[in-house]
Amino acid sequence: MSRLALSDADKQARDWFVHTAKTLGCNVKVDAMGNIFAVRPGRRSEFPPTCAGSHLDTQPTGGRYDGILGVCSGLEMLQVLYEEKIETEYPWHTIIIKGQDCHTGTTDFSNRADALLTAAKLILHSHKLAARKSALASTGIIRAEPGSTNTVPGWVQLSLDIRAGDDQTLMDMEEQLKYDFDKIAEGATVDGLNDGTIAGRACSVQWTLDAPSRAVKFDSECIDCVRRSAEGLFGYQSANLIQDMISGAGKRLLEAISLCKQA
């Protein structure tokens, strides 16, 4: 696969993207450098959009999934929203760390504002805090720019999924992480994260909320029904094989909990 920038194949891919995005209800704009922006309008246009995507061109060889997979993932998301007739409140959210990109060979540690190193500290700290509070914190998406082997990233975008068994714990974690993330980005020592490292220059953190989700309680009768069924299945071994657990996966629960009892 070869689709070099400014080639005929690149032009075909760009035309395909514009046509597909417009078909899915997006407003398409192209900036002076040729970057294409497809924006799906939401109910509240005053809020910033959530971004997804990548590049359409490839390296001379080996580019079958280089960039285009990220583009197709974004289009697939738009396809689902379009087919299901889902109207978003506003185009979504995430965490952005801003530093300064620099050369890995000519910039020593003390003069680096390393956004990716800061992101790693934020992820580790969120894990530690969640563990102390018997909660969960997970990062499933990381995007670092400029994305070069010998360049320290100056911009990183990451997702952060926080889950807890009750709303208060969730809110406490969010507030604590917001405070700690700013301190960590500034270079302060939080939770021993800087032990054994060389202090660099400060970064900044932008935190925005993606999708809030409240904690809900299963119906006690439904829980008892599931428990008795499990006990009937395992018999005398049930004491060692079954236990009550908190479900961290919401699925369709939040939408249906007000309509019927669940467990």
C-alpha atoms as a PDB file:
ATOM      1  CA  MET A   1       0.000   0.000   0.000  1.00  0.00           C
ATOM      2  CA  SER A   2       1.413   3.383  -1.043  1.00  0.00           C
ATOM      3  CA  ARG A   3      -0.561   6.628  -0.879  1.00  0.00           C
ATOM      4  CA  LEU A   4       1.984   9.416  -0.647  1.00  0.00           C
ATOM      5  CA  ALA A   5       0.932  12.963   0.232  1.00  0.00           C
ATOM      6  CA  LEU A   6      -0.112  15.061  -2.784  1.00  0.00           C
ATOM      7  CA  SER A   7      -0.232  11.999  -5.054  1.00  0.00           C
ATOM      8  CA  ASP A   8      -3.241  11.085  -7.190  1.00  0.00           C
ATOM      9  CA  ALA A   9      -4.072   8.287  -4.743  1.00  0.00           C
ATOM     10  CA  ASP A  10      -3.989  10.795  -1.882  1.00  0.00           C
ATOM     11  CA  LYS A  11      -6.391  13.062  -3.788  1.00  0.00           C
ATOM     12  CA  GLN A  12      -8.773  10.133  -4.326  1.00  0.00           C
ATOM     13  CA  ALA A  13      -8.709   9.278  -0.613  1.00  0.00           C
ATOM     14  CA  ARG A  14      -9.318  12.906   0.360  1.00  0.00           C
ATOM     15  CA  ASP A  15     -12.259  13.177  -2.034  1.00  0.00           C
ATOM     16  CA  TRP A  16     -13.677   9.923  -0.650  1.00  0.00           C
ATOM     17  CA  PHE A  17     -13.393  11.201   2.918  1.00  0.00           C
ATOM     18  CA  VAL A  18     -15.108  14.509   2.140  1.00  0.00           C
ATOM     19  CA  HIS A  19     -17.952  12.763   0.300  1.00  0.00           C
ATOM     20  CA  THR A  20     -18.429  10.177   3.078  1.00  0.00           C
ATOM     21  CA  ALA A  21     -18.382  12.764   5.862  1.00  0.00           C
ATOM     22  CA  LYS A  22     -20.933  14.957   4.106  1.00  0.00           C
ATOM     23  CA  THR A  23     -23.160  11.925   3.541  1.00  0.00           C
ATOM     24  CA  LEU A  24     -23.105  11.323   7.307  1.00  0.00           C
ATOM     25  CA  GLY A  25     -24.301  14.850   8.047  1.00  0.00           C
ATOM     26  CA  CYS A  26     -20.985  16.594   8.725  1.00  0.00           C
ATOM     27  CA  ASN A  27     -19.960  20.107   7.798  1.00  0.00           C
ATOM     28  CA  VAL A  28     -16.586  19.834   6.045  1.00  0.00           C
ATOM     29  CA  LYS A  29     -13.862  22.481   6.024  1.00  0.00           C
ATOM     30  CA  VAL A  30     -10.320  22.443   4.630  1.00  0.00           C
ATOM     31  CA  ASP A  31      -7.690  24.755   6.115  1.00  0.00           C
ATOM     32  CA  ALA A  32      -4.808  26.483   4.338  1.00  0.00           C
ATOM     33  CA  MET A  33      -2.507  23.487   4.897  1.00  0.00           C
ATOM     34  CA  GLY A  34      -4.998  21.028   3.476  1.00  0.00           C
ATOM     35  CA  ASN A  35      -6.186  19.546   6.783  1.00  0.00           C
ATOM     36  CA  ILE A  36      -9.782  18.347   6.508  1.00  0.00           C
ATOM     37  CA  PHE A  37     -12.213  18.912   9.384  1.00  0.00           C
ATOM     38  CA  ALA A  38     -15.576  17.126   9.387  1.00  0.00           C
ATOM     39  CA  VAL A  39     -17.806  18.399  12.214  1.00  0.00           C
ATOM     40  CA  ARG A  40     -21.076  16.710  13.132  1.00  0.00           C
ATOM     41  CA  PRO A  41     -23.346  19.389  14.628  1.00  0.00           C
ATOM     42  CA  GLY A  42     -24.704  18.814  18.122  1.00  0.00           C
ATOM     43  CA  ARG A  43     -27.443  20.465  20.125  1.00  0.00           C
ATOM     44  CA  ARG A  44     -24.985  22.782  21.901  1.00  0.00           C
ATOM     45  CA  SER A  45     -22.503  24.261  19.467  1.00  0.00           C
ATOM     46  CA  GLU A  46     -20.993  26.568  22.118  1.00  0.00           C
ATOM     47  CA  PHE A  47     -18.967  23.627  23.490  1.00  0.00           C
ATOM     48  CA  PRO A  48     -15.802  22.333  21.825  1.00  0.00           C
ATOM     49  CA  PRO A  49     -16.049  19.113  19.811  1.00  0.00           C
ATOM     50  CA  THR A  50     -14.446  15.795  20.646  1.00  0.00           C
ATOM     51  CA  CYS A  51     -11.922  14.897  17.959  1.00  0.00           C
ATOM     52  CA  ALA A  52     -11.137  11.580  16.294  1.00  0.00           C
ATOM     53  CA  GLY A  53      -9.112  10.791  13.221  1.00  0.00           C
ATOM     54  CA  SER A  54      -5.649  10.514  11.732  1.00  0.00           C
ATOM     55  CA  HIS A  55      -3.914  10.983   8.360  1.00  0.00           C
ATOM     56  CA  LEU A  56      -5.002   9.694   4.952  1.00  0.00           C
ATOM     57  CA  ASP A  57      -1.570   9.471   3.317  1.00  0.00           C
ATOM     58  CA  THR A  58       0.953   6.680   3.960  1.00  0.00           C
ATOM     59  CA  GLN A  59       4.635   5.901   4.013  1.00  0.00           C
ATOM     60  CA  PRO A  60       6.076   4.636   0.701  1.00  0.00           C
ATOM     61  CA  THR A  61       5.435   1.035   1.837  1.00  0.00           C
ATOM     62  CA  GLY A  62       3.708  -0.707   4.720  1.00  0.00           C
ATOM     63  CA  GLY A  63       0.918   1.818   5.018  1.00  0.00           C
ATOM     64  CA  ARG A  64      -2.157  -0.407   4.867  1.00  0.00           C
ATOM     65  CA  TYR A  65      -3.186   0.544   8.406  1.00  0.00           C
ATOM     66  CA  ASP A  66      -0.988   3.623   8.788  1.00  0.00           C
ATOM     67  CA  GLY A  67      -3.331   6.507   9.537  1.00  0.00           C
ATOM     68  CA  ILE A  68      -6.325   5.321   7.555  1.00  0.00           C
ATOM     69  CA  LEU A  69      -7.419   3.014  10.391  1.00  0.00           C
ATOM     70  CA  GLY A  70      -7.823   6.034  12.660  1.00  0.00           C
ATOM     71  CA  VAL A  71      -9.774   7.852   9.964  1.00  0.00           C
ATOM     72  CA  CYS A  72     -12.061   4.866   9.362  1.00  0.00           C
ATOM     73  CA  SER A  73     -12.627   4.473  13.113  1.00  0.00           C
ATOM     74  CA  GLY A  74     -13.887   8.044  13.288  1.00  0.00           C
ATOM     75  CA  LEU A  75     -16.127   7.519  10.269  1.00  0.00           C
ATOM     76  CA  GLU A  76     -17.487   4.292  11.742  1.00  0.00           C
ATOM     77  CA  MET A  77     -18.454   6.193  14.882  1.00  0.00           C
ATOM     78  CA  LEU A  78     -20.234   8.793  12.749  1.00  0.00           C
ATOM     79  CA  GLN A  79     -21.937   6.010  10.770  1.00  0.00           C
ATOM     80  CA  VAL A  80     -23.395   4.494  13.950  1.00  0.00           C
ATOM     81  CA  LEU A  81     -24.629   7.891  15.180  1.00  0.00           C
ATOM     82  CA  TYR A  82     -26.184   8.542  11.773  1.00  0.00           C
ATOM     83  CA  GLU A  83     -27.874   5.148  11.435  1.00  0.00           C
ATOM     84  CA  GLU A  84     -29.220   5.186  14.996  1.00  0.00           C
ATOM     85  CA  LYS A  85     -30.361   8.812  14.593  1.00  0.00           C
ATOM     86  CA  ILE A  86     -28.480   9.805  17.749  1.00  0.00           C
ATOM     87  CA  GLU A  87     -28.249  13.538  18.361  1.00  0.00           C
ATOM     88  CA  THR A  88     -25.306  14.391  20.580  1.00  0.00           C
ATOM     89  CA  GLU A  89     -25.504  17.162  23.165  1.00  0.00           C
ATOM     90  CA  TYR A  90     -22.332  18.572  21.765  1.00  0.00           C
ATOM     91  CA  PRO A  91     -19.428  17.246  19.767  1.00  0.00           C
ATOM     92  CA  TRP A  92     -17.643  15.069  23.353  1.00  0.00           C
ATOM     93  CA  HIS A  93     -14.330  15.607  25.639  1.00  0.00           C
ATOM     94  CA  THR A  94     -10.936  14.448  27.072  1.00  0.00           C
ATOM     95  CA  ILE A  95      -7.602  15.403  28.765  1.00  0.00           C
ATOM     96  CA  ILE A  96      -4.899  17.330  26.897  1.00  0.00           C
ATOM     97  CA  ILE A  97      -1.334  17.837  28.113  1.00  0.00           C
ATOM     98  CA  LYS A  98       0.649  20.636  26.501  1.00  0.00           C
ATOM     99  CA  GLY A  99       4.429  20.863  26.711  1.00  0.00           C
ATOM    100  CA  GLN A 100       7.048  21.618  24.068  1.00  0.00           C
ATOM    101  CA  ASP A 101       8.284  19.221  21.416  1.00  0.00           C
ATOM    102  CA  CYS A 102      12.075  19.041  21.094  1.00  0.00           C
ATOM    103  CA  HIS A 103      14.827  16.796  19.748  1.00  0.00           C
ATOM    104  CA  THR A 104      15.631  13.733  21.858  1.00  0.00           C
ATOM    105  CA  GLY A 105      19.344  13.960  21.180  1.00  0.00           C
ATOM    106  CA  THR A 106      19.974  17.648  21.695  1.00  0.00           C
ATOM    107  CA  THR A 107      17.703  18.413  24.645  1.00  0.00           C
ATOM    108  CA  ASP A 108      18.663  17.198  28.113  1.00  0.00           C
ATOM    109  CA  PHE A 109      16.064  16.107  30.663  1.00  0.00           C
ATOM    110  CA  SER A 110      16.104  19.367  32.609  1.00  0.00           C
ATOM    111  CA  ASN A 111      15.136  21.386  29.527  1.00  0.00           C
ATOM    112  CA  ARG A 112      12.312  19.141  28.329  1.00  0.00           C
ATOM    113  CA  ALA A 113       8.623  19.893  28.731  1.00  0.00           C
ATOM    114  CA  ASP A 114       7.763  16.269  27.971  1.00  0.00           C
ATOM    115  CA  ALA A 115       4.007  15.941  27.514  1.00  0.00           C
ATOM    116  CA  LEU A 116       4.110  12.161  27.148  1.00  0.00           C
ATOM    117  CA  LEU A 117       6.176  11.636  30.297  1.00  0.00           C
ATOM    118  CA  THR A 118       3.707  13.856  32.136  1.00  0.00           C
ATOM    119  CA  ALA A 119       0.823  11.828  30.694  1.00  0.00           C
ATOM    120  CA  ALA A 120       2.437   8.630  31.970  1.00  0.00           C
ATOM    121  CA  LYS A 121       2.654  10.125  35.474  1.00  0.00           C
ATOM    122  CA  LEU A 122      -1.001  11.185  35.322  1.00  0.00           C
ATOM    123  CA  ILE A 123      -2.105   7.706  34.290  1.00  0.00           C
ATOM    124  CA  LEU A 124      -0.064   6.034  37.042  1.00  0.00           C
ATOM    125  CA  HIS A 125      -1.333   8.487  39.649  1.00  0.00           C
ATOM    126  CA  SER A 126      -4.956   7.935  38.636  1.00  0.00           C
ATOM    127  CA  HIS A 127      -4.395   4.183  39.054  1.00  0.00           C
ATOM    128  CA  LYS A 128      -2.867   4.637  42.514  1.00  0.00           C
ATOM    129  CA  LEU A 129      -5.643   6.930  43.712  1.00  0.00           C
ATOM    130  CA  ALA A 130      -8.356   4.626  42.384  1.00  0.00           C
ATOM    131  CA  ALA A 131      -6.724   1.650  44.097  1.00  0.00           C
ATOM    132  CA  ARG A 132      -6.741   3.468  47.446  1.00  0.00           C
ATOM    133  CA  LYS A 133     -10.436   4.259  47.057  1.00  0.00           C
ATOM    134  CA  SER A 134     -11.473   0.802  45.807  1.00  0.00           C
ATOM    135  CA  ALA A 135     -12.465   2.402  42.517  1.00  0.00           C
ATOM    136  CA  LEU A 136     -11.260   2.120  38.914  1.00  0.00           C
ATOM    137  CA  ALA A 137      -9.331   4.466  36.619  1.00  0.00           C
ATOM    138  CA  SER A 138      -8.419   3.492  33.065  1.00  0.00           C
ATOM    139  CA  THR A 139      -6.879   5.073  29.983  1.00  0.00           C
ATOM    140  CA  GLY A 140      -7.740   3.403  26.682  1.00  0.00           C
ATOM    141  CA  ILE A 141      -6.716   6.054  24.154  1.00  0.00           C
ATOM    142  CA  ILE A 142      -3.456   8.001  23.905  1.00  0.00           C
ATOM    143  CA  ARG A 143      -2.468  10.289  21.062  1.00  0.00           C
ATOM    144  CA  ALA A 144       0.968  11.948  21.065  1.00  0.00           C
ATOM    145  CA  GLU A 145       2.248  14.555  18.636  1.00  0.00           C
ATOM    146  CA  PRO A 146       4.278  15.177  16.582  1.00  0.00           C
ATOM    147  CA  GLY A 147       4.675  11.376  16.573  1.00  0.00           C
ATOM    148  CA  SER A 148       8.336  11.072  15.606  1.00  0.00           C
ATOM    149  CA  THR A 149      10.854   8.585  17.026  1.00  0.00           C
ATOM    150  CA  ASN A 150      13.470  11.235  17.796  1.00  0.00           C
ATOM    151  CA  THR A 151      11.111  13.970  18.992  1.00  0.00           C
ATOM    152  CA  VAL A 152       9.889  14.496  22.551  1.00  0.00           C
ATOM    153  CA  PRO A 153       6.090  14.922  22.283  1.00  0.00           C
ATOM    154  CA  GLY A 154       4.847  18.408  23.052  1.00  0.00           C
ATOM    155  CA  TRP A 155       1.137  17.543  22.894  1.00  0.00           C
ATOM    156  CA  VAL A 156      -0.733  14.518  24.232  1.00  0.00           C
ATOM    157  CA  GLN A 157      -4.416  13.691  24.335  1.00  0.00           C
ATOM    158  CA  LEU A 158      -5.668  10.844  26.504  1.00  0.00           C
ATOM    159  CA  SER A 159      -8.906   9.364  27.738  1.00  0.00           C
ATOM    160  CA  LEU A 160      -9.601   8.785  31.412  1.00  0.00           C
ATOM    161  CA  ASP A 161     -12.426   6.503  32.529  1.00  0.00           C
ATOM    162  CA  ILE A 162     -13.182   6.742  36.270  1.00  0.00           C
ATOM    163  CA  ARG A 163     -15.648   4.378  37.931  1.00  0.00           C
ATOM    164  CA  ALA A 164     -16.733   3.888  41.531  1.00  0.00           C
ATOM    165  CA  GLY A 165     -19.486   2.210  43.478  1.00  0.00           C
ATOM    166  CA  ASP A 166     -21.048   5.495  44.605  1.00  0.00           C
ATOM    167  CA  ASP A 167     -21.326   9.020  43.242  1.00  0.00           C
ATOM    168  CA  GLN A 168     -19.534  10.698  46.152  1.00  0.00           C
ATOM    169  CA  THR A 169     -16.393   8.619  45.683  1.00  0.00           C
ATOM    170  CA  LEU A 170     -16.494   9.401  41.977  1.00  0.00           C
ATOM    171  CA  MET A 171     -16.810  13.145  42.575  1.00  0.00           C
ATOM    172  CA  ASP A 172     -14.081  13.107  45.220  1.00  0.00           C
ATOM    173  CA  MET A 173     -11.737  11.287  42.861  1.00  0.00           C
ATOM    174  CA  GLU A 174     -12.420  13.688  40.023  1.00  0.00           C
ATOM    175  CA  GLU A 175     -11.732  16.739  42.173  1.00  0.00           C
ATOM    176  CA  GLN A 176      -8.582  15.215  43.642  1.00  0.00           C
ATOM    177  CA  LEU A 177      -7.265  14.191  40.233  1.00  0.00           C
ATOM    178  CA  LYS A 178      -7.906  17.635  38.755  1.00  0.00           C
ATOM    179  CA  TYR A 179      -5.882  19.207  41.549  1.00  0.00           C
ATOM    180  CA  ASP A 180      -3.120  16.611  41.441  1.00  0.00           C
ATOM    181  CA  PHE A 181      -2.851  16.618  37.650  1.00  0.00           C
ATOM    182  CA  ASP A 182      -2.100  20.353  37.651  1.00  0.00           C
ATOM    183  CA  LYS A 183       0.564  19.857  40.312  1.00  0.00           C
ATOM    184  CA  ILE A 184       2.138  16.916  38.494  1.00  0.00           C
ATOM    185  CA  ALA A 185       2.227  18.843  35.208  1.00  0.00           C
ATOM    186  CA  GLU A 186       3.933  21.757  36.973  1.00  0.00           C
ATOM    187  CA  GLY A 187       6.645  19.363  38.166  1.00  0.00           C
ATOM    188  CA  ALA A 188       5.625  19.014  41.812  1.00  0.00           C
ATOM    189  CA  THR A 189       6.274  15.683  43.525  1.00  0.00           C
ATOM    190  CA  VAL A 190       2.953  13.923  44.057  1.00  0.00           C
ATOM    191  CA  ASP A 191       2.736  10.393  45.401  1.00  0.00           C
ATOM    192  CA  GLY A 192       6.450   9.799  44.758  1.00  0.00           C
ATOM    193  CA  LEU A 193       6.062  10.010  40.978  1.00  0.00           C
ATOM    194  CA  ASN A 194       9.283  12.009  40.551  1.00  0.00           C
ATOM    195  CA  ASP A 195      11.466   9.660  42.588  1.00  0.00           C
ATOM    196  CA  GLY A 196      14.592   8.754  40.634  1.00  0.00           C
ATOM    197  CA  THR A 197      13.853  11.216  37.821  1.00  0.00           C
ATOM    198  CA  ILE A 198      15.354  14.520  36.676  1.00  0.00           C
ATOM    199  CA  ALA A 199      13.022  17.517  36.897  1.00  0.00           C
ATOM    200  CA  GLY A 200      12.154  19.115  33.576  1.00  0.00           C
ATOM    201  CA  ARG A 201      10.104  22.099  32.501  1.00  0.00           C
ATOM    202  CA  ALA A 202       6.430  22.462  33.315  1.00  0.00           C
ATOM    203  CA  CYS A 203       3.538  21.316  31.148  1.00  0.00           C
ATOM    204  CA  SER A 204      -0.119  22.319  31.339  1.00  0.00           C
ATOM    205  CA  VAL A 205      -3.237  20.184  31.614  1.00  0.00           C
ATOM    206  CA  GLN A 206      -6.674  20.820  30.118  1.00  0.00           C
ATOM    207  CA  TRP A 207      -9.411  18.674  31.674  1.00  0.00           C
ATOM    208  CA  THR A 208     -12.891  18.447  30.196  1.00  0.00           C
ATOM    209  CA  LEU A 209     -15.729  16.069  31.044  1.00  0.00           C
ATOM    210  CA  ASP A 210     -16.801  13.605  28.389  1.00  0.00           C
ATOM    211  CA  ALA A 211     -19.876  11.743  29.605  1.00  0.00           C
ATOM    212  CA  PRO A 212     -21.012  11.798  33.251  1.00  0.00           C
ATOM    213  CA  SER A 213     -22.536   8.593  34.584  1.00  0.00           C
ATOM    214  CA  ARG A 214     -24.194   8.242  37.960  1.00  0.00           C
ATOM    215  CA  ALA A 215     -23.949   5.165  40.154  1.00  0.00           C
ATOM    216  CA  VAL A 216     -27.143   3.095  40.362  1.00  0.00           C
ATOM    217  CA  LYS A 217     -28.251   0.359  42.760  1.00  0.00           C
ATOM    218  CA  PHE A 218     -29.613  -2.999  41.653  1.00  0.00           C
ATOM    219  CA  ASP A 219     -32.948  -4.147  43.048  1.00  0.00           C
ATOM    220  CA  SER A 220     -32.489  -6.248  46.211  1.00  0.00           C
ATOM    221  CA  GLU A 221     -35.110  -8.822  45.144  1.00  0.00           C
ATOM    222  CA  CYS A 222     -33.400  -9.287  41.773  1.00  0.00           C
ATOM    223  CA  ILE A 223     -30.019  -9.652  43.481  1.00  0.00           C
ATOM    224  CA  ASP A 224     -31.472 -12.281  45.818  1.00  0.00           C
ATOM    225  CA  CYS A 225     -32.966 -14.144  42.853  1.00  0.00           C
ATOM    226  CA  VAL A 226     -29.587 -14.297  41.097  1.00  0.00           C
ATOM    227  CA  ARG A 227     -27.887 -15.375  44.328  1.00  0.00           C
ATOM    228  CA  ARG A 228     -30.368 -18.198  44.978  1.00  0.00           C
ATOM    229  CA  SER A 229     -30.035 -19.383  41.371  1.00  0.00           C
ATOM    230  CA  ALA A 230     -26.259 -19.521  41.743  1.00  0.00           C
ATOM    231  CA  GLU A 231     -26.572 -21.384  45.039  1.00  0.00           C
ATOM    232  CA  GLY A 232     -28.917 -23.863  43.396  1.00  0.00           C
ATOM    233  CA  LEU A 233     -26.443 -24.387  40.559  1.00  0.00           C
ATOM    234  CA  PHE A 234     -23.354 -24.959  42.723  1.00  0.00           C
ATOM    235  CA  GLY A 235     -25.006 -26.508  45.788  1.00  0.00           C
ATOM    236  CA  TYR A 236     -22.695 -27.127  48.750  1.00  0.00           C
ATOM    237  CA  GLN A 237     -19.781 -25.553  46.839  1.00  0.00           C
ATOM    238  CA  SER A 238     -21.550 -22.225  46.437  1.00  0.00           C
ATOM    239  CA  ALA A 239     -19.877 -20.615  49.459  1.00  0.00           C
ATOM    240  CA  ASN A 240     -16.518 -20.846  47.661  1.00  0.00           C
ATOM    241  CA  LEU A 241     -17.722 -20.140  44.144  1.00  0.00           C
ATOM    242  CA  ILE A 242     -20.110 -17.161  44.318  1.00  0.00           C
ATOM    243  CA  GLN A 243     -19.844 -13.636  45.696  1.00  0.00           C
ATOM    244  CA  ASP A 244     -21.603 -10.314  45.390  1.00  0.00           C
ATOM    245  CA  MET A 245     -19.839  -7.999  42.948  1.00  0.00           C
ATOM    246  CA  ILE A 246     -20.144  -4.412  41.759  1.00  0.00           C
ATOM    247  CA  SER A 247     -20.726  -4.209  38.019  1.00  0.00           C
ATOM    248  CA  GLY A 248     -18.482  -1.548  36.524  1.00  0.00           C
ATOM    249  CA  ALA A 249     -20.052  -1.877  33.084  1.00  0.00           C
ATOM    250  CA  GLY A 250     -23.109   0.299  32.549  1.00  0.00           C
ATOM    251  CA  LYS A 251     -24.229  -1.051  29.160  1.00  0.00           C
ATOM    252  CA  ARG A 252     -27.931  -0.145  28.817  1.00  0.00           C
ATOM    253  CA  LEU A 253     -28.485  -0.223  32.581  1.00  0.00           C
ATOM    254  CA  LEU A 254     -28.629   3.523  33.126  1.00  0.00           C
ATOM    255  CA  GLU A 255     -31.319   3.971  30.491  1.00  0.00           C
ATOM    256  CA  ALA A 256     -33.449   1.034  31.676  1.00  0.00           C
ATOM    257  CA  ILE A 257     -33.091   1.183  35.469  1.00  0.00           C
ATOM    258  CA  SER A 258     -35.984   3.626  35.800  1.00  0.00           C
ATOM    259  CA  LEU A 259     -38.251   1.337  33.760  1.00  0.00           C
ATOM    260  CA  CYS A 260     -37.764  -2.043  35.411  1.00  0.00           C
ATOM    261  CA  LYS A 261     -36.003  -3.853  38.232  1.00  0.00           C
ATOM    262  CA  GLN A 262     -32.530  -5.179  37.393  1.00  0.00           C
ATOM    263  CA  ALA A 263     -29.594  -7.134  38.792  1.00  0.00           C
END
